[in-house]
Each structure stands twice: as C-alpha cells, then as structure tokens.
N, C-alpha and C. Protein backbone atom coordinates (compact mmCIF):
# COMPACT_ATOMS: atom_id res chain seq x y z
N MET A 1 69.77 5.02 9.23
CA MET A 1 69.72 3.70 8.47
C MET A 1 68.44 3.51 7.78
N VAL A 2 67.38 3.74 8.45
CA VAL A 2 66.03 3.42 7.87
C VAL A 2 65.87 4.46 6.64
N SER A 3 66.30 5.46 6.68
CA SER A 3 66.11 6.53 5.73
C SER A 3 66.93 6.17 4.35
N ILE A 4 68.04 5.53 4.58
CA ILE A 4 68.91 5.11 3.50
C ILE A 4 68.36 4.08 2.78
N ILE A 5 67.62 3.04 3.55
CA ILE A 5 66.93 1.98 2.98
C ILE A 5 65.79 2.54 2.11
N ALA A 6 65.06 3.51 2.69
CA ALA A 6 63.78 4.06 2.12
C ALA A 6 64.23 4.75 0.76
N VAL A 7 65.34 5.35 0.75
CA VAL A 7 65.70 6.00 -0.53
C VAL A 7 66.17 4.95 -1.51
N LEU A 8 66.85 3.89 -1.08
CA LEU A 8 67.26 2.93 -2.02
C LEU A 8 65.93 2.26 -2.57
N VAL A 9 64.95 1.91 -1.74
CA VAL A 9 63.76 1.31 -2.28
C VAL A 9 62.96 2.36 -3.18
N ALA A 10 63.04 3.65 -2.97
CA ALA A 10 62.43 4.57 -3.85
C ALA A 10 62.98 4.55 -5.19
N ILE A 11 64.34 4.36 -5.26
CA ILE A 11 64.98 4.36 -6.57
C ILE A 11 64.81 3.15 -7.29
N LEU A 12 64.74 2.03 -6.52
CA LEU A 12 64.56 0.70 -7.20
C LEU A 12 63.09 0.30 -7.72
N VAL A 13 62.19 0.84 -7.00
CA VAL A 13 60.88 0.55 -7.48
C VAL A 13 60.41 0.90 -8.89
N PRO A 14 60.85 2.11 -9.44
CA PRO A 14 60.63 2.50 -10.85
C PRO A 14 61.32 1.54 -11.78
N ALA A 15 62.59 1.25 -11.44
CA ALA A 15 63.46 0.36 -12.20
C ALA A 15 62.83 -1.03 -12.44
N ILE A 16 62.19 -1.49 -11.45
CA ILE A 16 61.48 -2.81 -11.51
C ILE A 16 60.28 -2.65 -12.63
N GLY A 17 59.63 -1.70 -12.58
CA GLY A 17 58.57 -1.54 -13.49
C GLY A 17 59.08 -1.62 -15.01
N VAL A 18 60.15 -0.93 -15.19
CA VAL A 18 60.81 -0.85 -16.54
C VAL A 18 61.41 -2.11 -16.97
N VAL A 19 61.87 -2.94 -16.08
CA VAL A 19 62.42 -4.31 -16.33
C VAL A 19 61.21 -5.21 -16.65
N ARG A 20 60.08 -5.08 -15.86
CA ARG A 20 58.89 -5.93 -16.28
C ARG A 20 58.38 -5.63 -17.60
N GLU A 21 58.30 -4.35 -18.03
CA GLU A 21 57.84 -4.02 -19.32
C GLU A 21 58.81 -4.61 -20.33
N ARG A 22 60.04 -4.52 -20.27
CA ARG A 22 60.98 -4.98 -21.10
C ARG A 22 60.74 -6.49 -21.29
N VAL A 23 60.59 -7.22 -20.20
CA VAL A 23 60.36 -8.79 -20.26
C VAL A 23 58.93 -8.99 -20.99
N ARG A 24 57.93 -8.18 -20.74
CA ARG A 24 56.75 -8.41 -21.54
C ARG A 24 56.86 -8.25 -22.96
N ALA A 25 57.60 -7.16 -23.28
CA ALA A 25 57.99 -6.83 -24.83
C ALA A 25 58.76 -8.07 -25.50
N ALA A 26 59.75 -8.50 -24.59
CA ALA A 26 60.58 -9.59 -25.13
C ALA A 26 59.65 -10.87 -25.37
N LYS A 27 58.84 -11.21 -24.53
CA LYS A 27 57.90 -12.33 -24.58
C LYS A 27 56.87 -12.11 -25.69
N ALA A 28 56.43 -11.12 -25.89
CA ALA A 28 55.55 -10.75 -27.08
C ALA A 28 56.27 -11.01 -28.43
N MET A 29 57.56 -10.48 -28.47
CA MET A 29 58.35 -10.52 -29.75
C MET A 29 58.55 -11.95 -29.98
N GLU A 30 58.94 -12.77 -28.94
CA GLU A 30 59.21 -14.21 -29.16
C GLU A 30 57.98 -14.85 -29.61
N GLN A 31 56.78 -14.64 -29.08
CA GLN A 31 55.61 -15.31 -29.43
C GLN A 31 55.18 -14.80 -30.89
N VAL A 32 55.31 -13.62 -31.13
CA VAL A 32 54.99 -13.23 -32.50
C VAL A 32 55.94 -13.83 -33.58
N ALA A 33 57.19 -13.94 -33.24
CA ALA A 33 58.06 -14.68 -34.14
C ALA A 33 57.79 -16.17 -34.29
N GLU A 34 57.37 -16.88 -33.22
CA GLU A 34 57.03 -18.31 -33.21
C GLU A 34 55.76 -18.46 -34.14
N ILE A 35 54.67 -17.55 -33.87
CA ILE A 35 53.49 -17.73 -34.65
C ILE A 35 53.85 -17.43 -36.10
N HIS A 36 54.48 -16.39 -36.35
CA HIS A 36 54.83 -15.99 -37.70
C HIS A 36 55.51 -17.21 -38.48
N MET A 37 56.58 -17.89 -37.70
CA MET A 37 57.23 -18.96 -38.32
C MET A 37 56.34 -20.06 -38.75
N ALA A 38 55.35 -20.42 -37.74
CA ALA A 38 54.49 -21.47 -37.84
C ALA A 38 53.61 -21.15 -39.04
N LEU A 39 53.26 -19.97 -39.28
CA LEU A 39 52.34 -19.58 -40.41
C LEU A 39 53.08 -19.73 -41.79
N GLN A 40 54.28 -19.30 -41.70
CA GLN A 40 55.22 -19.35 -43.08
C GLN A 40 55.35 -20.89 -43.26
N HIS A 41 55.67 -21.83 -42.38
CA HIS A 41 55.71 -23.22 -42.68
C HIS A 41 54.39 -23.86 -43.09
N TYR A 42 53.35 -23.40 -42.50
CA TYR A 42 51.98 -23.95 -42.98
C TYR A 42 51.84 -23.62 -44.37
N ALA A 43 52.06 -22.33 -44.67
CA ALA A 43 51.77 -22.00 -46.14
C ALA A 43 52.69 -22.72 -47.14
N SER A 44 53.99 -22.82 -46.63
CA SER A 44 55.07 -23.37 -47.62
C SER A 44 54.72 -24.84 -47.83
N GLU A 45 54.03 -25.50 -46.86
CA GLU A 45 53.67 -26.96 -47.12
C GLU A 45 52.30 -27.05 -47.86
N ASP A 46 51.55 -26.03 -48.10
CA ASP A 46 50.27 -26.02 -48.76
C ASP A 46 50.62 -26.04 -50.26
N SER A 47 49.95 -26.68 -50.96
CA SER A 47 50.28 -26.70 -52.54
C SER A 47 49.93 -25.35 -53.13
N ARG A 48 49.05 -24.66 -52.67
CA ARG A 48 48.68 -23.48 -53.21
C ARG A 48 49.26 -22.17 -52.27
N HIS A 49 49.98 -22.61 -51.32
CA HIS A 49 50.75 -21.55 -50.46
C HIS A 49 49.65 -20.69 -49.73
N ARG A 50 48.51 -21.46 -49.29
CA ARG A 50 47.53 -20.71 -48.57
C ARG A 50 47.86 -20.76 -47.00
N TYR A 51 47.55 -19.62 -46.38
CA TYR A 51 47.70 -19.49 -44.86
C TYR A 51 46.37 -20.01 -44.20
N PRO A 52 46.32 -20.24 -42.95
CA PRO A 52 45.10 -20.44 -42.26
C PRO A 52 44.24 -19.22 -42.39
N PRO A 53 42.89 -19.41 -42.50
CA PRO A 53 42.00 -18.34 -42.63
C PRO A 53 41.97 -17.35 -41.46
N GLN A 54 41.59 -16.17 -41.71
CA GLN A 54 41.38 -15.21 -40.55
C GLN A 54 40.26 -15.66 -39.83
N SER A 55 39.99 -15.19 -38.57
CA SER A 55 38.92 -15.61 -37.62
C SER A 55 37.62 -15.31 -38.39
N GLY A 56 37.42 -14.13 -39.05
CA GLY A 56 36.24 -13.83 -39.73
C GLY A 56 36.39 -12.45 -40.04
N PRO A 57 35.32 -11.87 -40.76
CA PRO A 57 35.37 -10.52 -41.19
C PRO A 57 35.51 -9.56 -40.10
N GLY A 58 36.56 -8.71 -40.21
CA GLY A 58 36.81 -7.74 -39.12
C GLY A 58 37.35 -8.29 -37.97
N ASP A 59 37.74 -9.64 -37.81
CA ASP A 59 38.16 -10.28 -36.58
C ASP A 59 39.71 -10.62 -37.07
N LEU A 60 40.53 -9.88 -36.46
CA LEU A 60 42.01 -10.20 -36.88
C LEU A 60 42.70 -10.92 -35.78
N SER A 61 41.98 -11.64 -34.74
CA SER A 61 42.60 -12.33 -33.81
C SER A 61 43.11 -13.72 -34.27
N LEU A 62 44.03 -14.36 -33.56
CA LEU A 62 44.21 -15.76 -33.55
C LEU A 62 43.58 -16.51 -32.64
N ARG A 63 42.69 -17.55 -32.93
CA ARG A 63 41.79 -18.14 -32.09
C ARG A 63 42.01 -19.69 -31.99
N LEU A 64 41.72 -20.38 -30.85
CA LEU A 64 41.98 -21.69 -30.67
C LEU A 64 40.65 -22.25 -29.94
N ASP A 65 40.02 -23.32 -30.40
CA ASP A 65 38.96 -23.99 -29.74
C ASP A 65 39.62 -25.22 -29.07
N PRO A 66 39.74 -25.23 -27.86
CA PRO A 66 40.42 -26.46 -27.10
C PRO A 66 39.80 -27.69 -27.49
N ASP A 67 38.32 -27.71 -27.68
CA ASP A 67 37.54 -29.09 -28.11
C ASP A 67 37.50 -29.34 -29.37
N ASP A 68 38.11 -28.45 -30.29
CA ASP A 68 38.12 -28.56 -31.72
C ASP A 68 36.62 -28.64 -32.24
N ALA A 69 35.72 -28.20 -31.55
CA ALA A 69 34.31 -28.16 -32.02
C ALA A 69 34.15 -26.91 -33.05
N VAL A 70 34.57 -25.88 -32.77
CA VAL A 70 34.72 -24.63 -33.61
C VAL A 70 36.02 -24.55 -34.10
N MET A 71 36.22 -24.46 -35.39
CA MET A 71 37.65 -24.51 -35.96
C MET A 71 38.12 -22.96 -35.73
N GLY A 72 39.36 -22.88 -35.16
CA GLY A 72 40.01 -21.83 -35.04
C GLY A 72 41.28 -21.83 -35.96
N ASN A 73 41.91 -20.71 -36.39
CA ASN A 73 43.14 -20.80 -37.12
C ASN A 73 44.26 -21.35 -36.38
N LEU A 74 44.28 -21.29 -34.98
CA LEU A 74 45.42 -21.90 -34.29
C LEU A 74 45.21 -23.39 -34.25
N ASN A 75 44.01 -23.90 -34.28
CA ASN A 75 43.63 -25.26 -34.43
C ASN A 75 44.35 -26.00 -35.61
N LEU A 76 44.31 -25.21 -36.72
CA LEU A 76 44.93 -25.66 -38.01
C LEU A 76 46.44 -25.79 -37.94
N LEU A 77 47.09 -24.79 -37.26
CA LEU A 77 48.61 -24.97 -37.03
C LEU A 77 48.88 -25.95 -36.08
N ARG A 78 48.21 -26.26 -35.02
CA ARG A 78 48.47 -27.19 -33.93
C ARG A 78 48.27 -28.63 -34.56
N ARG A 79 47.26 -28.82 -35.32
CA ARG A 79 46.88 -29.94 -36.12
C ARG A 79 47.96 -30.46 -36.88
N ASN A 80 48.75 -29.46 -37.49
CA ASN A 80 49.95 -29.81 -38.38
C ASN A 80 51.28 -29.85 -37.72
N GLY A 81 51.27 -29.96 -36.38
CA GLY A 81 52.29 -30.27 -35.68
C GLY A 81 53.08 -28.87 -35.16
N TYR A 82 52.70 -27.86 -35.24
CA TYR A 82 53.29 -26.64 -34.80
C TYR A 82 52.91 -26.31 -33.38
N GLU A 83 53.99 -26.29 -32.57
CA GLU A 83 53.79 -25.98 -31.30
C GLU A 83 53.79 -24.52 -30.88
N ILE A 84 52.70 -24.00 -30.32
CA ILE A 84 52.56 -22.67 -29.92
C ILE A 84 52.34 -22.40 -28.55
N ASP A 85 52.97 -21.52 -27.97
CA ASP A 85 52.74 -21.31 -26.46
C ASP A 85 51.32 -20.76 -26.25
N LEU A 86 50.50 -21.39 -25.60
CA LEU A 86 49.11 -20.97 -25.39
C LEU A 86 48.91 -20.46 -23.97
N SER A 87 49.92 -19.97 -23.27
CA SER A 87 49.75 -19.51 -22.00
C SER A 87 49.07 -18.07 -21.83
N GLY A 88 48.83 -17.46 -23.10
CA GLY A 88 48.06 -16.31 -23.11
C GLY A 88 46.70 -16.51 -23.65
N LEU A 89 46.19 -17.56 -23.76
CA LEU A 89 44.93 -17.94 -24.34
C LEU A 89 43.85 -17.48 -23.23
N ALA A 90 42.99 -16.51 -23.76
CA ALA A 90 41.92 -15.87 -22.95
C ALA A 90 40.81 -16.82 -22.95
N ARG A 91 40.47 -17.47 -21.91
CA ARG A 91 39.42 -18.55 -21.90
C ARG A 91 38.09 -18.05 -21.32
N ASP A 92 37.80 -16.79 -21.47
CA ASP A 92 36.59 -16.11 -21.11
C ASP A 92 35.69 -16.00 -22.35
N GLY A 93 34.34 -16.02 -22.28
CA GLY A 93 33.40 -15.99 -23.35
C GLY A 93 33.36 -17.17 -24.01
N VAL A 94 32.96 -17.16 -25.15
CA VAL A 94 32.62 -18.39 -26.09
C VAL A 94 33.79 -18.76 -26.87
N ALA A 95 34.05 -20.05 -27.04
CA ALA A 95 35.09 -20.62 -28.01
C ALA A 95 34.73 -20.22 -29.40
N PRO A 96 35.79 -20.06 -30.27
CA PRO A 96 37.13 -20.12 -30.04
C PRO A 96 37.76 -19.00 -29.37
N TYR A 97 38.77 -19.32 -28.48
CA TYR A 97 39.33 -18.27 -27.61
C TYR A 97 40.55 -17.46 -28.29
N PRO A 98 40.60 -16.28 -28.11
CA PRO A 98 41.83 -15.46 -28.63
C PRO A 98 43.05 -15.78 -27.90
N LEU A 99 44.11 -15.69 -28.69
CA LEU A 99 45.43 -15.78 -28.07
C LEU A 99 45.84 -14.33 -27.68
N CYS A 100 46.22 -14.01 -26.49
CA CYS A 100 46.43 -12.64 -26.06
C CYS A 100 48.00 -12.38 -25.64
N ASP A 101 48.48 -11.19 -25.97
CA ASP A 101 49.88 -10.82 -25.71
C ASP A 101 50.01 -10.53 -24.27
N PRO A 102 51.03 -10.26 -23.72
CA PRO A 102 51.35 -10.06 -22.31
C PRO A 102 50.56 -8.92 -21.59
N TRP A 103 50.00 -8.02 -22.52
CA TRP A 103 49.12 -6.97 -21.92
C TRP A 103 47.73 -7.22 -22.04
N LYS A 104 47.29 -8.59 -22.31
CA LYS A 104 45.93 -9.08 -22.42
C LYS A 104 45.20 -8.57 -23.60
N ARG A 105 45.89 -8.16 -24.63
CA ARG A 105 45.12 -7.83 -25.95
C ARG A 105 45.43 -8.92 -26.96
N PRO A 106 44.43 -9.20 -27.67
CA PRO A 106 44.70 -10.30 -28.64
C PRO A 106 45.76 -9.80 -29.69
N TYR A 107 46.45 -10.98 -29.91
CA TYR A 107 47.38 -10.83 -31.33
C TYR A 107 46.71 -10.70 -32.38
N SER A 108 47.06 -9.95 -33.39
CA SER A 108 46.29 -9.76 -34.58
C SER A 108 47.04 -10.57 -35.68
N TYR A 109 46.22 -11.06 -36.65
CA TYR A 109 46.78 -11.86 -37.80
C TYR A 109 45.98 -11.43 -39.00
N GLN A 110 46.77 -11.26 -40.11
CA GLN A 110 46.16 -10.89 -41.38
C GLN A 110 46.83 -11.43 -42.45
N VAL A 111 45.96 -11.86 -43.33
CA VAL A 111 46.50 -12.58 -44.76
C VAL A 111 46.45 -11.39 -45.72
N ASP A 112 47.48 -10.86 -46.17
CA ASP A 112 47.46 -9.68 -47.14
C ASP A 112 47.52 -10.25 -48.42
N ALA A 113 46.48 -10.51 -49.07
CA ALA A 113 46.32 -10.91 -50.48
C ALA A 113 46.47 -9.71 -51.49
N ASP A 114 46.21 -8.62 -51.03
CA ASP A 114 46.32 -7.30 -51.94
C ASP A 114 47.57 -6.69 -51.64
N LEU A 115 48.59 -7.22 -52.24
CA LEU A 115 49.96 -6.85 -52.04
C LEU A 115 50.24 -5.18 -51.95
N LEU A 116 49.74 -4.50 -52.88
CA LEU A 116 50.08 -3.02 -52.84
C LEU A 116 48.78 -2.34 -52.27
N SER A 117 47.80 -2.93 -51.91
CA SER A 117 46.64 -2.30 -51.27
C SER A 117 45.92 -1.47 -52.41
N VAL A 118 45.83 -1.93 -53.62
CA VAL A 118 45.34 -1.32 -54.80
C VAL A 118 43.76 -1.16 -54.69
N SER A 119 43.24 -2.27 -54.20
CA SER A 119 41.71 -2.48 -54.28
C SER A 119 41.21 -1.99 -52.96
N GLY A 120 42.02 -1.31 -52.03
CA GLY A 120 41.50 -0.75 -50.76
C GLY A 120 41.40 -1.63 -49.65
N VAL A 121 42.00 -2.82 -49.88
CA VAL A 121 41.92 -3.78 -48.70
C VAL A 121 42.88 -3.29 -47.68
N GLN A 122 42.61 -3.25 -46.41
CA GLN A 122 43.46 -2.72 -45.38
C GLN A 122 44.76 -3.67 -45.27
N ARG A 123 45.85 -2.80 -45.30
CA ARG A 123 47.12 -3.47 -45.05
C ARG A 123 47.26 -3.70 -43.61
N PRO A 124 48.28 -4.71 -43.12
CA PRO A 124 48.30 -5.01 -41.65
C PRO A 124 49.05 -3.93 -40.94
N MET A 125 49.86 -3.25 -41.55
CA MET A 125 50.64 -2.16 -40.82
C MET A 125 50.44 -0.81 -41.61
N PRO A 126 50.35 0.31 -40.91
CA PRO A 126 50.13 1.58 -41.62
C PRO A 126 51.27 1.93 -42.42
N PRO A 127 51.10 2.45 -43.62
CA PRO A 127 52.37 2.71 -44.51
C PRO A 127 53.43 3.51 -43.85
N GLU A 128 53.18 4.38 -42.94
CA GLU A 128 54.16 5.01 -42.31
C GLU A 128 55.12 4.32 -41.42
N VAL A 129 54.49 3.19 -41.09
CA VAL A 129 55.27 2.23 -40.08
C VAL A 129 56.17 1.32 -40.98
N CYS A 130 55.59 0.85 -41.97
CA CYS A 130 56.08 -0.35 -42.69
C CYS A 130 55.75 -0.20 -44.08
N PRO A 131 56.29 0.86 -44.93
CA PRO A 131 55.87 0.95 -46.22
C PRO A 131 56.13 -0.20 -47.10
N ALA A 132 55.18 -0.48 -48.08
CA ALA A 132 55.40 -1.47 -49.01
C ALA A 132 55.95 -2.83 -48.53
N TRP A 133 55.48 -3.34 -47.55
CA TRP A 133 55.88 -4.62 -47.00
C TRP A 133 56.14 -5.71 -47.81
N ASN A 134 55.16 -6.03 -48.54
CA ASN A 134 55.40 -7.29 -49.39
C ASN A 134 55.12 -7.10 -50.86
N THR A 135 55.93 -6.22 -51.45
CA THR A 135 55.72 -6.05 -52.91
C THR A 135 56.56 -7.08 -53.72
N ALA A 136 57.44 -7.86 -53.17
CA ALA A 136 58.30 -8.86 -53.74
C ALA A 136 57.52 -10.02 -53.75
N GLY A 137 57.65 -10.82 -54.93
CA GLY A 137 56.99 -12.30 -55.05
C GLY A 137 55.60 -12.24 -55.47
N ARG A 138 54.72 -11.20 -55.25
CA ARG A 138 53.50 -11.14 -55.65
C ARG A 138 52.59 -12.43 -55.05
N ARG A 139 52.97 -12.83 -53.86
CA ARG A 139 52.24 -13.80 -53.15
C ARG A 139 51.68 -13.24 -51.90
N PRO A 140 50.44 -13.84 -51.48
CA PRO A 140 50.02 -13.30 -50.17
C PRO A 140 50.87 -13.72 -48.94
N TRP A 141 51.09 -12.94 -48.05
CA TRP A 141 51.76 -13.09 -46.84
C TRP A 141 50.98 -12.96 -45.58
N GLY A 142 51.29 -13.88 -44.65
CA GLY A 142 50.70 -13.62 -43.37
C GLY A 142 51.46 -12.90 -42.46
N TYR A 143 50.71 -11.98 -41.63
CA TYR A 143 51.32 -11.19 -40.69
C TYR A 143 50.80 -11.42 -39.31
N VAL A 144 51.63 -11.33 -38.34
CA VAL A 144 51.22 -11.32 -36.98
C VAL A 144 51.67 -10.19 -36.16
N TRP A 145 50.98 -9.51 -35.33
CA TRP A 145 51.63 -8.49 -34.54
C TRP A 145 50.73 -8.26 -33.13
N SER A 146 51.40 -7.65 -32.44
CA SER A 146 50.88 -7.26 -31.00
C SER A 146 50.83 -5.67 -31.01
N LEU A 147 49.84 -5.07 -30.45
CA LEU A 147 49.71 -3.77 -30.34
C LEU A 147 50.68 -3.12 -29.25
N GLY A 148 51.46 -3.99 -28.63
CA GLY A 148 52.58 -3.34 -27.65
C GLY A 148 51.97 -2.85 -26.47
N ALA A 149 52.81 -2.19 -25.67
CA ALA A 149 52.48 -1.78 -24.24
C ALA A 149 51.52 -0.82 -24.36
N LYS A 150 51.52 0.20 -25.32
CA LYS A 150 50.55 1.28 -25.37
C LYS A 150 49.25 0.97 -26.11
N GLY A 151 49.17 0.02 -26.99
CA GLY A 151 47.96 -0.40 -27.59
C GLY A 151 47.53 0.64 -28.68
N ALA A 152 48.59 1.38 -29.20
CA ALA A 152 48.26 2.36 -30.09
C ALA A 152 47.70 1.84 -31.47
N ALA A 153 46.71 2.33 -32.01
CA ALA A 153 46.24 1.93 -33.30
C ALA A 153 47.08 2.34 -34.42
N ASP A 154 47.84 3.42 -34.29
CA ASP A 154 48.49 3.98 -35.30
C ASP A 154 49.77 3.40 -35.54
N GLY A 155 50.15 2.23 -34.99
CA GLY A 155 51.36 1.48 -35.38
C GLY A 155 52.49 1.71 -34.37
N ARG A 156 52.57 2.89 -33.78
CA ARG A 156 53.70 3.19 -32.86
C ARG A 156 53.72 2.28 -31.61
N GLY A 157 54.79 1.53 -31.47
CA GLY A 157 54.91 0.72 -30.32
C GLY A 157 54.62 -0.77 -30.59
N TRP A 158 54.21 -1.01 -31.91
CA TRP A 158 53.68 -2.40 -32.21
C TRP A 158 54.84 -3.27 -32.19
N ILE A 159 54.69 -4.66 -31.97
CA ILE A 159 55.65 -5.65 -31.96
C ILE A 159 55.21 -6.55 -33.07
N TYR A 160 56.16 -6.80 -33.98
CA TYR A 160 55.97 -7.40 -35.19
C TYR A 160 57.20 -8.03 -35.87
N VAL A 161 57.09 -8.86 -36.63
CA VAL A 161 58.23 -9.45 -37.42
C VAL A 161 57.97 -9.02 -38.95
N ARG A 162 59.10 -8.43 -39.42
CA ARG A 162 59.15 -7.97 -40.79
C ARG A 162 59.88 -8.85 -41.64
N ASP A 163 59.24 -9.25 -42.79
CA ASP A 163 59.74 -9.98 -43.72
C ASP A 163 60.40 -9.20 -44.92
N ASP A 164 61.67 -9.31 -45.16
CA ASP A 164 62.33 -8.67 -46.06
C ASP A 164 62.76 -9.72 -47.10
N ARG A 165 62.09 -10.18 -48.06
CA ARG A 165 62.54 -11.16 -48.96
C ARG A 165 62.89 -10.32 -50.23
C-alpha cells in the first residue's frame, strides 16, 4: 500500500511543476496584454500619439514610484486611470521600482520609433522571432514583453503581444 502511494506521488510531483510553469506563463501573458493595452490607449489619447517615455537609456524596464517623487512610466499610466496589477513590483533598491514577471525578471518596454531599424536603433524583438513588426502605419509603437521562463536573450520563449495592424 505504501509503495503504491509512493509511486503515485513520484508521478504527480513533476506534473505539479509543469502546471505551475503554465500558470506563470498565463499570468505573464495576461499582464503583458494588460500593460500593452494601457500603452495603446495612452498613446491614442495623446494628440501626438506619444507613448510614455522609457525609463532611461539602456533601461527597458517598466517602473513605478509609489510616492510619485521620481516619475516612472507606470506612474503616467496610473495617473491617467489605467489599472495595472502591481503585485510583481520589486520594492528593493531605489525608486522607481521595476515591475517584474512571475520569474522575478523585469518586464521590458520599448518605444520603437525607428520602424524598420534603418538607423541602427535596436528593435524590441529579434527579426527571426518577429520580422518587420511595425512596418504598417509609419507610427512609433510601444512594445511590452517578458523574457519568459528561460530568460533567453535571443527571443526564444519570450511572452509578448504582437500587433498586426
């Protein structure tokens, strides 16, 4: 009897890990879509279709300052009435704090003003993952993504929302 229970537990333990990983991926996808939608609405309400600024040169994270002392790009969205789940806000270090995915890595955000990457500006996704993302409309678009479970910099396993307009 005990051996049967031990065998069943041995079978179920790996399955629980797989389910947890799928739940994390679903939560990351939901949050990426939520932030992406807020960015789209923010830009559509701006007279010049501007997105909130990136955190800084080389910093692609989404940041929030709870005290509003240092402006973060999430502060701008929340000030305009967009509700964003901040349960993943990393409150260590100095404000503004980055919003992290379920794997504790910051979500990335980029305003891609160089639509075809002609001038050498880094595109948010490697071309082999998402070729010519935003060639339609000739307007800058904002992108949000998570590196996913593996955190691969090459784009494999990333969680993102693709705009096909």
